[in-house]
Amino acid sequence: MRNSTKLIILVLFATIFCGLYLFQGLNGSFDYALPRRAIKVMAMVLTGVAVAYSTVIFQTITHNRILTPSIMGLDSLYLLLQTVVIFFLGSNHVTIVNKQVNFILSVSAMIIFALLLYRFLFRGGKRPIYFLLLVGIIVGTFFGSISTFLQVLIDPNEFMLVQDKMFASFNNVSGELVWWALGFITLALLLGWRYFPELDVLSLGRDTSFNLGVSYDKVVKTMLVLSSVLIAVSTALVGPITFFGLIVANLSYQFFKTYKHSILIAGASVMSVIALVGGQWVVERVFTFSTTLSVIINFIGGVYFIYLLLKESRST
């Protein structure tokens, strides 16, 4: 089956799941329920596209299919920021109560952190990409340790609010934030679209990219910043989803079996929409909100991550 046909089939399934989630059980309450469901679907679509896009390009840059952009510590920084604000300012502070302020603060902090990290690490000359990943792991662990320490000391009632920030949730997404996220993500995707041919070459390795005339360092830096922006926006919108990008990116590799990033990213994005919308439908209709989508994703993603590690160890 041709990749274009596979992609059309996936889009058809995504459309069916979106329609099922939007219209099942409305029972005439179109004015109340439909707009709220539409906002949730938009949030899931934006989050899925952002996570899939950023994960595929991040794995291309690192030449490793078991890594995700969360290794750079952005998820840990988001949780640390929420914990610090609630610990020192309280849950009634404007940065927590006002979702727009919290969104801007979170996105700004994560993007500034990523830019400073990249500038510091690349300032002294050419450094291997794995040095950057190592620093990201260390910084992420440091942020996580501080968050855990503050959570032990925090008021138990306010800890419940911090706990809500630990997992992605689509149930209380603000409609205004969805439109803001749409603007950020659309701009990032438009800027990154013209780099698809360079990404196809980057998958061949650094030396081959140089020989074929690709400005390797420039493309890598640009894609790292782009990946950080997408992860920052999606995390600030719904919360961290640790293993989700790992799942959809590797499924896209196995399903399409191509080197073209235009196909891989499009396929991973559509798979993300199917997984998020279909998964949320199962959570609401089958489990009746007894669990959350992020718990299911992290469980499946953790098992899939172990499978990929075992697979890589057998092939080496």
C-alpha atoms as a PDB file:
ATOM      1  CA  MET A   1       0.000   0.000   0.000  1.00  0.00           C
ATOM      2  CA  ARG A   2       1.320   3.430  -0.930  1.00  0.00           C
ATOM      3  CA  ASN A   3       2.108   5.894   1.856  1.00  0.00           C
ATOM      4  CA  SER A   4      -0.370   8.420   0.487  1.00  0.00           C
ATOM      5  CA  THR A   5      -3.140   5.810   0.717  1.00  0.00           C
ATOM      6  CA  LYS A   6      -2.107   4.921   4.271  1.00  0.00           C
ATOM      7  CA  LEU A   7      -2.199   8.586   5.221  1.00  0.00           C
ATOM      8  CA  ILE A   8      -5.680   9.024   3.739  1.00  0.00           C
ATOM      9  CA  ILE A   9      -6.938   6.027   5.724  1.00  0.00           C
ATOM     10  CA  LEU A  10      -5.504   7.482   8.941  1.00  0.00           C
ATOM     11  CA  VAL A  11      -7.114  10.851   8.239  1.00  0.00           C
ATOM     12  CA  LEU A  12     -10.442   9.057   7.690  1.00  0.00           C
ATOM     13  CA  PHE A  13     -10.128   7.289  11.049  1.00  0.00           C
ATOM     14  CA  ALA A  14      -9.194  10.566  12.762  1.00  0.00           C
ATOM     15  CA  THR A  15     -12.246  12.259  11.241  1.00  0.00           C
ATOM     16  CA  ILE A  16     -14.507   9.424  12.412  1.00  0.00           C
ATOM     17  CA  PHE A  17     -13.162   9.606  15.981  1.00  0.00           C
ATOM     18  CA  CYS A  18     -13.527  13.383  16.063  1.00  0.00           C
ATOM     19  CA  GLY A  19     -17.092  13.149  14.782  1.00  0.00           C
ATOM     20  CA  LEU A  20     -17.918  10.407  17.263  1.00  0.00           C
ATOM     21  CA  TYR A  21     -16.547  12.409  20.161  1.00  0.00           C
ATOM     22  CA  LEU A  22     -18.271  15.610  19.076  1.00  0.00           C
ATOM     23  CA  PHE A  23     -21.766  14.335  18.327  1.00  0.00           C
ATOM     24  CA  GLN A  24     -22.394  11.146  20.301  1.00  0.00           C
ATOM     25  CA  GLY A  25     -24.898  11.611  23.110  1.00  0.00           C
ATOM     26  CA  LEU A  26     -25.650  15.286  22.492  1.00  0.00           C
ATOM     27  CA  ASN A  27     -29.399  14.679  22.736  1.00  0.00           C
ATOM     28  CA  GLY A  28     -30.261  18.158  21.512  1.00  0.00           C
ATOM     29  CA  SER A  29     -27.870  20.074  23.798  1.00  0.00           C
ATOM     30  CA  PHE A  30     -25.954  21.496  20.841  1.00  0.00           C
ATOM     31  CA  ASP A  31     -25.644  25.036  22.192  1.00  0.00           C
ATOM     32  CA  TYR A  32     -24.089  23.942  25.496  1.00  0.00           C
ATOM     33  CA  ALA A  33     -22.159  20.713  24.881  1.00  0.00           C
ATOM     34  CA  LEU A  34     -20.981  21.028  21.286  1.00  0.00           C
ATOM     35  CA  PRO A  35     -18.842  24.193  21.717  1.00  0.00           C
ATOM     36  CA  ARG A  36     -17.169  22.709  24.793  1.00  0.00           C
ATOM     37  CA  ARG A  37     -16.463  19.450  23.035  1.00  0.00           C
ATOM     38  CA  ALA A  38     -15.113  21.361  20.044  1.00  0.00           C
ATOM     39  CA  ILE A  39     -12.651  23.215  22.289  1.00  0.00           C
ATOM     40  CA  LYS A  40     -11.432  19.918  23.756  1.00  0.00           C
ATOM     41  CA  VAL A  41     -11.031  18.388  20.298  1.00  0.00           C
ATOM     42  CA  MET A  42      -9.062  21.434  19.130  1.00  0.00           C
ATOM     43  CA  ALA A  43      -6.834  21.162  22.192  1.00  0.00           C
ATOM     44  CA  MET A  44      -6.210  17.471  21.503  1.00  0.00           C
ATOM     45  CA  VAL A  45      -5.460  18.110  17.827  1.00  0.00           C
ATOM     46  CA  LEU A  46      -3.033  20.948  18.617  1.00  0.00           C
ATOM     47  CA  THR A  47      -1.308  18.963  21.354  1.00  0.00           C
ATOM     48  CA  GLY A  48      -1.032  15.870  19.176  1.00  0.00           C
ATOM     49  CA  VAL A  49       0.433  17.763  16.223  1.00  0.00           C
ATOM     50  CA  ALA A  50       2.891  19.710  18.399  1.00  0.00           C
ATOM     51  CA  VAL A  51       4.140  16.639  20.266  1.00  0.00           C
ATOM     52  CA  ALA A  52       4.399  14.491  17.122  1.00  0.00           C
ATOM     53  CA  TYR A  53       6.180  17.185  15.096  1.00  0.00           C
ATOM     54  CA  SER A  54       8.669  18.036  17.838  1.00  0.00           C
ATOM     55  CA  THR A  55       9.436  14.388  18.640  1.00  0.00           C
ATOM     56  CA  VAL A  56      10.128  13.354  15.031  1.00  0.00           C
ATOM     57  CA  ILE A  57      12.478  16.263  14.352  1.00  0.00           C
ATOM     58  CA  PHE A  58      14.173  15.800  17.751  1.00  0.00           C
ATOM     59  CA  GLN A  59      14.818  12.122  17.033  1.00  0.00           C
ATOM     60  CA  THR A  60      16.163  13.027  13.595  1.00  0.00           C
ATOM     61  CA  ILE A  61      18.603  15.494  15.126  1.00  0.00           C
ATOM     62  CA  THR A  62      19.773  13.062  17.811  1.00  0.00           C
ATOM     63  CA  HIS A  63      19.680   9.999  15.507  1.00  0.00           C
ATOM     64  CA  ASN A  64      17.974   8.116  18.317  1.00  0.00           C
ATOM     65  CA  ARG A  65      14.405   6.828  18.239  1.00  0.00           C
ATOM     66  CA  ILE A  66      13.990   6.312  21.981  1.00  0.00           C
ATOM     67  CA  LEU A  67      14.516   9.964  22.940  1.00  0.00           C
ATOM     68  CA  THR A  68      11.873  12.682  23.243  1.00  0.00           C
ATOM     69  CA  PRO A  69      12.177  16.470  23.712  1.00  0.00           C
ATOM     70  CA  SER A  70      11.145  16.035  27.356  1.00  0.00           C
ATOM     71  CA  ILE A  71      14.709  14.860  28.003  1.00  0.00           C
ATOM     72  CA  MET A  72      15.758  18.529  27.818  1.00  0.00           C
ATOM     73  CA  GLY A  73      13.969  19.169  31.122  1.00  0.00           C
ATOM     74  CA  LEU A  74      11.112  21.366  29.889  1.00  0.00           C
ATOM     75  CA  ASP A  75       8.465  19.192  31.558  1.00  0.00           C
ATOM     76  CA  SER A  76      10.398  19.330  34.829  1.00  0.00           C
ATOM     77  CA  LEU A  77      10.752  23.099  34.516  1.00  0.00           C
ATOM     78  CA  TYR A  78       6.989  23.463  33.984  1.00  0.00           C
ATOM     79  CA  LEU A  79       6.209  21.429  37.096  1.00  0.00           C
ATOM     80  CA  LEU A  80       8.856  23.305  39.108  1.00  0.00           C
ATOM     81  CA  LEU A  81       7.384  26.643  38.053  1.00  0.00           C
ATOM     82  CA  GLN A  82       3.873  25.617  39.093  1.00  0.00           C
ATOM     83  CA  THR A  83       5.149  24.237  42.397  1.00  0.00           C
ATOM     84  CA  VAL A  84       7.209  27.336  43.225  1.00  0.00           C
ATOM     85  CA  VAL A  85       4.339  29.719  42.454  1.00  0.00           C
ATOM     86  CA  ILE A  86       1.851  27.761  44.583  1.00  0.00           C
ATOM     87  CA  PHE A  87       4.380  27.244  47.397  1.00  0.00           C
ATOM     88  CA  PHE A  88       5.464  30.872  47.747  1.00  0.00           C
ATOM     89  CA  LEU A  89       2.441  32.799  46.435  1.00  0.00           C
ATOM     90  CA  GLY A  90      -0.434  30.450  47.186  1.00  0.00           C
ATOM     91  CA  SER A  91      -3.122  28.882  45.035  1.00  0.00           C
ATOM     92  CA  ASN A  92      -5.172  32.104  45.022  1.00  0.00           C
ATOM     93  CA  HIS A  93      -2.473  34.153  43.303  1.00  0.00           C
ATOM     94  CA  VAL A  94      -3.261  35.617  39.893  1.00  0.00           C
ATOM     95  CA  THR A  95      -0.603  33.479  38.193  1.00  0.00           C
ATOM     96  CA  ILE A  96      -2.573  30.369  39.201  1.00  0.00           C
ATOM     97  CA  VAL A  97      -6.160  31.624  39.101  1.00  0.00           C
ATOM     98  CA  ASN A  98      -5.796  33.414  35.752  1.00  0.00           C
ATOM     99  CA  LYS A  99      -5.107  30.728  33.145  1.00  0.00           C
ATOM    100  CA  GLN A 100      -3.963  33.260  30.544  1.00  0.00           C
ATOM    101  CA  VAL A 101      -1.285  34.653  32.857  1.00  0.00           C
ATOM    102  CA  ASN A 102      -0.183  31.155  33.825  1.00  0.00           C
ATOM    103  CA  PHE A 103       0.023  30.145  30.153  1.00  0.00           C
ATOM    104  CA  ILE A 104       2.146  33.139  29.174  1.00  0.00           C
ATOM    105  CA  LEU A 105       4.395  32.708  32.221  1.00  0.00           C
ATOM    106  CA  SER A 106       4.898  28.985  31.574  1.00  0.00           C
ATOM    107  CA  VAL A 107       5.582  29.323  27.848  1.00  0.00           C
ATOM    108  CA  SER A 108       7.940  32.269  28.371  1.00  0.00           C
ATOM    109  CA  ALA A 109       9.900  30.489  31.121  1.00  0.00           C
ATOM    110  CA  MET A 110      10.353  27.284  29.100  1.00  0.00           C
ATOM    111  CA  ILE A 111      11.346  29.063  25.881  1.00  0.00           C
ATOM    112  CA  ILE A 112      13.785  31.391  27.662  1.00  0.00           C
ATOM    113  CA  PHE A 113      15.325  28.432  29.490  1.00  0.00           C
ATOM    114  CA  ALA A 114      15.758  26.508  26.220  1.00  0.00           C
ATOM    115  CA  LEU A 115      17.291  29.514  24.424  1.00  0.00           C
ATOM    116  CA  LEU A 116      19.728  30.202  27.268  1.00  0.00           C
ATOM    117  CA  LEU A 117      20.681  26.537  27.449  1.00  0.00           C
ATOM    118  CA  TYR A 118      21.343  26.279  23.711  1.00  0.00           C
ATOM    119  CA  ARG A 119      23.229  29.573  23.625  1.00  0.00           C
ATOM    120  CA  PHE A 120      25.436  28.573  26.541  1.00  0.00           C
ATOM    121  CA  LEU A 121      26.223  25.121  25.201  1.00  0.00           C
ATOM    122  CA  PHE A 122      26.852  26.171  21.602  1.00  0.00           C
ATOM    123  CA  ARG A 123      28.771  29.332  22.473  1.00  0.00           C
ATOM    124  CA  GLY A 124      32.117  27.665  23.018  1.00  0.00           C
ATOM    125  CA  GLY A 125      32.215  26.074  19.587  1.00  0.00           C
ATOM    126  CA  LYS A 126      30.911  22.839  18.177  1.00  0.00           C
ATOM    127  CA  ARG A 127      29.799  20.404  20.833  1.00  0.00           C
ATOM    128  CA  PRO A 128      28.342  16.941  20.248  1.00  0.00           C
ATOM    129  CA  ILE A 129      24.560  16.789  20.478  1.00  0.00           C
ATOM    130  CA  TYR A 130      24.776  14.141  23.199  1.00  0.00           C
ATOM    131  CA  PHE A 131      26.574  16.618  25.441  1.00  0.00           C
ATOM    132  CA  LEU A 132      23.477  18.802  25.163  1.00  0.00           C
ATOM    133  CA  LEU A 133      21.260  15.831  26.027  1.00  0.00           C
ATOM    134  CA  LEU A 134      23.400  14.985  29.042  1.00  0.00           C
ATOM    135  CA  VAL A 135      23.104  18.543  30.350  1.00  0.00           C
ATOM    136  CA  GLY A 136      19.354  18.410  29.738  1.00  0.00           C
ATOM    137  CA  ILE A 137      19.022  15.219  31.779  1.00  0.00           C
ATOM    138  CA  ILE A 138      21.030  16.696  34.652  1.00  0.00           C
ATOM    139  CA  VAL A 139      19.075  19.959  34.664  1.00  0.00           C
ATOM    140  CA  GLY A 140      15.753  18.102  34.423  1.00  0.00           C
ATOM    141  CA  THR A 141      16.709  15.888  37.361  1.00  0.00           C
ATOM    142  CA  PHE A 142      17.731  18.963  39.345  1.00  0.00           C
ATOM    143  CA  PHE A 143      14.383  20.672  38.642  1.00  0.00           C
ATOM    144  CA  GLY A 144      12.525  17.494  39.576  1.00  0.00           C
ATOM    145  CA  SER A 145      14.404  17.218  42.885  1.00  0.00           C
ATOM    146  CA  ILE A 146      13.534  20.791  43.855  1.00  0.00           C
ATOM    147  CA  SER A 147       9.887  20.203  42.924  1.00  0.00           C
ATOM    148  CA  THR A 148       9.736  17.068  45.057  1.00  0.00           C
ATOM    149  CA  PHE A 149      11.336  18.860  48.013  1.00  0.00           C
ATOM    150  CA  LEU A 150       8.832  21.716  47.865  1.00  0.00           C
ATOM    151  CA  GLN A 151       5.918  19.324  47.430  1.00  0.00           C
ATOM    152  CA  VAL A 152       6.871  17.600  50.688  1.00  0.00           C
ATOM    153  CA  LEU A 153       6.698  20.928  52.524  1.00  0.00           C
ATOM    154  CA  ILE A 154       3.655  22.375  50.811  1.00  0.00           C
ATOM    155  CA  ASP A 155       0.211  22.598  52.391  1.00  0.00           C
ATOM    156  CA  PRO A 156      -1.716  19.344  51.697  1.00  0.00           C
ATOM    157  CA  ASN A 157      -4.696  21.235  50.281  1.00  0.00           C
ATOM    158  CA  GLU A 158      -2.519  23.135  47.833  1.00  0.00           C
ATOM    159  CA  PHE A 159      -0.597  19.981  46.971  1.00  0.00           C
ATOM    160  CA  MET A 160      -3.780  18.694  45.339  1.00  0.00           C
ATOM    161  CA  LEU A 161      -3.578  21.608  42.911  1.00  0.00           C
ATOM    162  CA  VAL A 162       0.079  20.843  42.202  1.00  0.00           C
ATOM    163  CA  GLN A 163      -0.844  17.208  41.615  1.00  0.00           C
ATOM    164  CA  ASP A 164      -3.340  18.266  38.949  1.00  0.00           C
ATOM    165  CA  LYS A 165      -0.478  19.968  37.106  1.00  0.00           C
ATOM    166  CA  MET A 166       1.587  16.756  36.997  1.00  0.00           C
ATOM    167  CA  PHE A 167      -0.555  15.102  34.335  1.00  0.00           C
ATOM    168  CA  ALA A 168      -2.052  16.292  31.089  1.00  0.00           C
ATOM    169  CA  SER A 169      -5.773  17.029  31.194  1.00  0.00           C
ATOM    170  CA  PHE A 170      -8.169  18.063  28.451  1.00  0.00           C
ATOM    171  CA  ASN A 171     -11.237  18.479  30.665  1.00  0.00           C
ATOM    172  CA  ASN A 172     -10.682  22.084  31.758  1.00  0.00           C
ATOM    173  CA  VAL A 173      -8.929  23.600  28.757  1.00  0.00           C
ATOM    174  CA  SER A 174      -9.620  27.304  28.305  1.00  0.00           C
ATOM    175  CA  GLY A 175     -11.071  28.249  24.930  1.00  0.00           C
ATOM    176  CA  GLU A 176      -9.009  31.429  24.775  1.00  0.00           C
ATOM    177  CA  LEU A 177      -5.793  29.504  25.432  1.00  0.00           C
ATOM    178  CA  VAL A 178      -6.638  27.117  22.609  1.00  0.00           C
ATOM    179  CA  TRP A 179      -6.719  30.018  20.156  1.00  0.00           C
ATOM    180  CA  TRP A 180      -3.428  31.361  21.516  1.00  0.00           C
ATOM    181  CA  ALA A 181      -1.865  27.909  21.183  1.00  0.00           C
ATOM    182  CA  LEU A 182      -3.232  27.648  17.631  1.00  0.00           C
ATOM    183  CA  GLY A 183      -1.402  30.848  16.698  1.00  0.00           C
ATOM    184  CA  PHE A 184       1.909  29.748  18.249  1.00  0.00           C
ATOM    185  CA  ILE A 185       1.806  26.237  16.794  1.00  0.00           C
ATOM    186  CA  THR A 186       0.693  27.347  13.323  1.00  0.00           C
ATOM    187  CA  LEU A 187       3.523  29.889  13.156  1.00  0.00           C
ATOM    188  CA  ALA A 188       6.068  27.297  14.299  1.00  0.00           C
ATOM    189  CA  LEU A 189       4.842  24.753  11.749  1.00  0.00           C
ATOM    190  CA  LEU A 190       4.991  27.282   8.912  1.00  0.00           C
ATOM    191  CA  LEU A 191       8.539  28.246   9.858  1.00  0.00           C
ATOM    192  CA  GLY A 192       9.641  24.616  10.075  1.00  0.00           C
ATOM    193  CA  TRP A 193       7.936  23.390   6.912  1.00  0.00           C
ATOM    194  CA  ARG A 194      10.712  24.554   4.581  1.00  0.00           C
ATOM    195  CA  TYR A 195      13.295  22.530   6.537  1.00  0.00           C
ATOM    196  CA  PHE A 196      11.774  19.155   5.607  1.00  0.00           C
ATOM    197  CA  PRO A 197      14.282  18.502   2.758  1.00  0.00           C
ATOM    198  CA  GLU A 198      17.184  19.331   5.090  1.00  0.00           C
ATOM    199  CA  LEU A 199      15.767  16.987   7.734  1.00  0.00           C
ATOM    200  CA  ASP A 200      15.630  14.201   5.148  1.00  0.00           C
ATOM    201  CA  VAL A 201      19.363  14.685   4.591  1.00  0.00           C
ATOM    202  CA  LEU A 202      20.123  15.075   8.322  1.00  0.00           C
ATOM    203  CA  SER A 203      18.837  11.559   8.904  1.00  0.00           C
ATOM    204  CA  LEU A 204      21.891  10.333   6.946  1.00  0.00           C
ATOM    205  CA  GLY A 205      24.312  11.737   9.527  1.00  0.00           C
ATOM    206  CA  ARG A 206      26.440  14.819  10.140  1.00  0.00           C
ATOM    207  CA  ASP A 207      29.246  14.055   7.671  1.00  0.00           C
ATOM    208  CA  THR A 208      26.892  13.145   4.844  1.00  0.00           C
ATOM    209  CA  SER A 209      24.854  16.294   5.467  1.00  0.00           C
ATOM    210  CA  PHE A 210      27.971  18.444   5.155  1.00  0.00           C
ATOM    211  CA  ASN A 211      28.979  16.688   1.947  1.00  0.00           C
ATOM    212  CA  LEU A 212      25.530  17.274   0.459  1.00  0.00           C
ATOM    213  CA  GLY A 213      25.660  21.004   1.200  1.00  0.00           C
ATOM    214  CA  VAL A 214      23.363  21.190   4.234  1.00  0.00           C
ATOM    215  CA  SER A 215      24.226  23.760   6.911  1.00  0.00           C
ATOM    216  CA  TYR A 216      24.129  21.152   9.657  1.00  0.00           C
ATOM    217  CA  ASP A 217      24.712  23.349  12.710  1.00  0.00           C
ATOM    218  CA  LYS A 218      22.201  25.987  11.610  1.00  0.00           C
ATOM    219  CA  VAL A 219      19.480  23.426  10.924  1.00  0.00           C
ATOM    220  CA  VAL A 220      20.101  21.632  14.228  1.00  0.00           C
ATOM    221  CA  LYS A 221      19.922  24.844  16.262  1.00  0.00           C
ATOM    222  CA  THR A 222      16.783  25.985  14.434  1.00  0.00           C
ATOM    223  CA  MET A 223      15.056  22.643  14.914  1.00  0.00           C
ATOM    224  CA  LEU A 224      15.990  22.517  18.598  1.00  0.00           C
ATOM    225  CA  VAL A 225      14.428  25.926  19.172  1.00  0.00           C
ATOM    226  CA  LEU A 226      11.368  24.974  17.131  1.00  0.00           C
ATOM    227  CA  SER A 227      10.965  21.726  19.072  1.00  0.00           C
ATOM    228  CA  SER A 228      11.258  23.585  22.378  1.00  0.00           C
ATOM    229  CA  VAL A 229       8.584  26.115  21.368  1.00  0.00           C
ATOM    230  CA  LEU A 230       6.139  23.371  20.380  1.00  0.00           C
ATOM    231  CA  ILE A 231       6.706  21.405  23.586  1.00  0.00           C
ATOM    232  CA  ALA A 232       6.457  24.559  25.699  1.00  0.00           C
ATOM    233  CA  VAL A 233       3.116  25.557  24.158  1.00  0.00           C
ATOM    234  CA  SER A 234       1.575  22.066  24.355  1.00  0.00           C
ATOM    235  CA  THR A 235       2.775  21.558  27.941  1.00  0.00           C
ATOM    236  CA  ALA A 236       1.475  24.947  29.084  1.00  0.00           C
ATOM    237  CA  LEU A 237      -1.856  24.221  27.384  1.00  0.00           C
ATOM    238  CA  VAL A 238      -2.704  20.772  28.800  1.00  0.00           C
ATOM    239  CA  GLY A 239       0.237  19.623  30.940  1.00  0.00           C
ATOM    240  CA  PRO A 240       3.140  17.207  30.367  1.00  0.00           C
ATOM    241  CA  ILE A 241       2.698  13.981  28.364  1.00  0.00           C
ATOM    242  CA  THR A 242       5.946  12.118  28.855  1.00  0.00           C
ATOM    243  CA  PHE A 243       5.836   9.094  26.542  1.00  0.00           C
ATOM    244  CA  PHE A 244       3.214  10.134  24.006  1.00  0.00           C
ATOM    245  CA  GLY A 245       5.630  11.463  21.382  1.00  0.00           C
ATOM    246  CA  LEU A 246       7.725   8.312  21.677  1.00  0.00           C
ATOM    247  CA  ILE A 247       4.706   6.147  20.820  1.00  0.00           C
ATOM    248  CA  VAL A 248       3.351   8.030  17.808  1.00  0.00           C
ATOM    249  CA  ALA A 249       6.776   8.767  16.285  1.00  0.00           C
ATOM    250  CA  ASN A 250       7.890   5.132  16.336  1.00  0.00           C
ATOM    251  CA  LEU A 251       4.521   3.919  15.101  1.00  0.00           C
ATOM    252  CA  SER A 252       4.882   6.337  12.188  1.00  0.00           C
ATOM    253  CA  TYR A 253       8.342   4.962  11.369  1.00  0.00           C
ATOM    254  CA  GLN A 254       7.059   1.386  11.370  1.00  0.00           C
ATOM    255  CA  PHE A 255       3.844   2.126   9.482  1.00  0.00           C
ATOM    256  CA  PHE A 256       5.189   4.286   6.658  1.00  0.00           C
ATOM    257  CA  LYS A 257       8.783   2.990   6.343  1.00  0.00           C
ATOM    258  CA  THR A 258      10.099   6.085   4.589  1.00  0.00           C
ATOM    259  CA  TYR A 259      12.766   8.699   5.154  1.00  0.00           C
ATOM    260  CA  LYS A 260      10.614  11.642   4.019  1.00  0.00           C
ATOM    261  CA  HIS A 261       9.720  13.837   6.973  1.00  0.00           C
ATOM    262  CA  SER A 262       6.715  15.290   5.201  1.00  0.00           C
ATOM    263  CA  ILE A 263       5.119  11.820   5.390  1.00  0.00           C
ATOM    264  CA  LEU A 264       6.512  10.828   8.801  1.00  0.00           C
ATOM    265  CA  ILE A 265       5.424  14.023  10.559  1.00  0.00           C
ATOM    266  CA  ALA A 266       2.009  14.057   8.897  1.00  0.00           C
ATOM    267  CA  GLY A 267       1.476  10.400   9.803  1.00  0.00           C
ATOM    268  CA  ALA A 268       2.623  10.849  13.398  1.00  0.00           C
ATOM    269  CA  SER A 269       0.375  13.900  13.753  1.00  0.00           C
ATOM    270  CA  VAL A 270      -2.712  12.060  12.506  1.00  0.00           C
ATOM    271  CA  MET A 271      -1.893   9.086  14.740  1.00  0.00           C
ATOM    272  CA  SER A 272      -1.661  11.516  17.651  1.00  0.00           C
ATOM    273  CA  VAL A 273      -5.129  12.849  16.912  1.00  0.00           C
ATOM    274  CA  ILE A 274      -6.537   9.318  16.705  1.00  0.00           C
ATOM    275  CA  ALA A 275      -4.875   8.307  19.983  1.00  0.00           C
ATOM    276  CA  LEU A 276      -5.875  11.427  21.927  1.00  0.00           C
ATOM    277  CA  VAL A 277      -9.449  11.816  20.672  1.00  0.00           C
ATOM    278  CA  GLY A 278     -10.119   8.070  20.687  1.00  0.00           C
ATOM    279  CA  GLY A 279      -8.455   7.677  24.077  1.00  0.00           C
ATOM    280  CA  GLN A 280     -10.442  10.535  25.584  1.00  0.00           C
ATOM    281  CA  TRP A 281     -13.641   9.011  24.203  1.00  0.00           C
ATOM    282  CA  VAL A 282     -12.758   5.697  25.907  1.00  0.00           C
ATOM    283  CA  VAL A 283     -11.978   7.496  29.186  1.00  0.00           C
ATOM    284  CA  GLU A 284     -15.317   9.298  29.173  1.00  0.00           C
ATOM    285  CA  ARG A 285     -17.605   6.623  27.702  1.00  0.00           C
ATOM    286  CA  VAL A 286     -16.041   3.354  28.849  1.00  0.00           C
ATOM    287  CA  PHE A 287     -14.217   4.207  32.073  1.00  0.00           C
ATOM    288  CA  THR A 288     -16.656   7.035  32.971  1.00  0.00           C
ATOM    289  CA  PHE A 289     -13.828   9.316  34.134  1.00  0.00           C
ATOM    290  CA  SER A 290     -12.522   6.724  36.616  1.00  0.00           C
ATOM    291  CA  THR A 291      -9.047   7.311  35.158  1.00  0.00           C
ATOM    292  CA  THR A 292      -7.323   9.927  33.041  1.00  0.00           C
ATOM    293  CA  LEU A 293      -5.968   9.773  29.520  1.00  0.00           C
ATOM    294  CA  SER A 294      -2.447  10.738  30.617  1.00  0.00           C
ATOM    295  CA  VAL A 295      -2.279   7.755  32.997  1.00  0.00           C
ATOM    296  CA  ILE A 296      -3.187   5.377  30.162  1.00  0.00           C
ATOM    297  CA  ILE A 297      -0.697   7.027  27.790  1.00  0.00           C
ATOM    298  CA  ASN A 298       2.124   6.914  30.339  1.00  0.00           C
ATOM    299  CA  PHE A 299       1.415   3.252  31.110  1.00  0.00           C
ATOM    300  CA  ILE A 300       1.344   2.204  27.447  1.00  0.00           C
ATOM    301  CA  GLY A 301       4.276   4.488  26.664  1.00  0.00           C
ATOM    302  CA  GLY A 302       6.350   3.049  29.491  1.00  0.00           C
ATOM    303  CA  VAL A 303       5.754  -0.510  28.279  1.00  0.00           C
ATOM    304  CA  TYR A 304       6.511   0.530  24.693  1.00  0.00           C
ATOM    305  CA  PHE A 305       9.694   2.295  25.833  1.00  0.00           C
ATOM    306  CA  ILE A 306      10.919  -0.903  27.498  1.00  0.00           C
ATOM    307  CA  TYR A 307      10.101  -2.813  24.301  1.00  0.00           C
ATOM    308  CA  LEU A 308      12.139  -0.362  22.221  1.00  0.00           C
ATOM    309  CA  LEU A 309      15.091  -0.629  24.617  1.00  0.00           C
ATOM    310  CA  LEU A 310      15.027  -4.423  24.401  1.00  0.00           C
ATOM    311  CA  LYS A 311      14.690  -4.236  20.623  1.00  0.00           C
ATOM    312  CA  GLU A 312      17.688  -1.879  20.347  1.00  0.00           C
ATOM    313  CA  SER A 313      19.796  -4.086  22.644  1.00  0.00           C
ATOM    314  CA  ARG A 314      19.115  -7.160  20.474  1.00  0.00           C
ATOM    315  CA  SER A 315      20.056  -5.330  17.267  1.00  0.00           C
ATOM    316  CA  THR A 316      23.449  -4.143  18.627  1.00  0.00           C
END
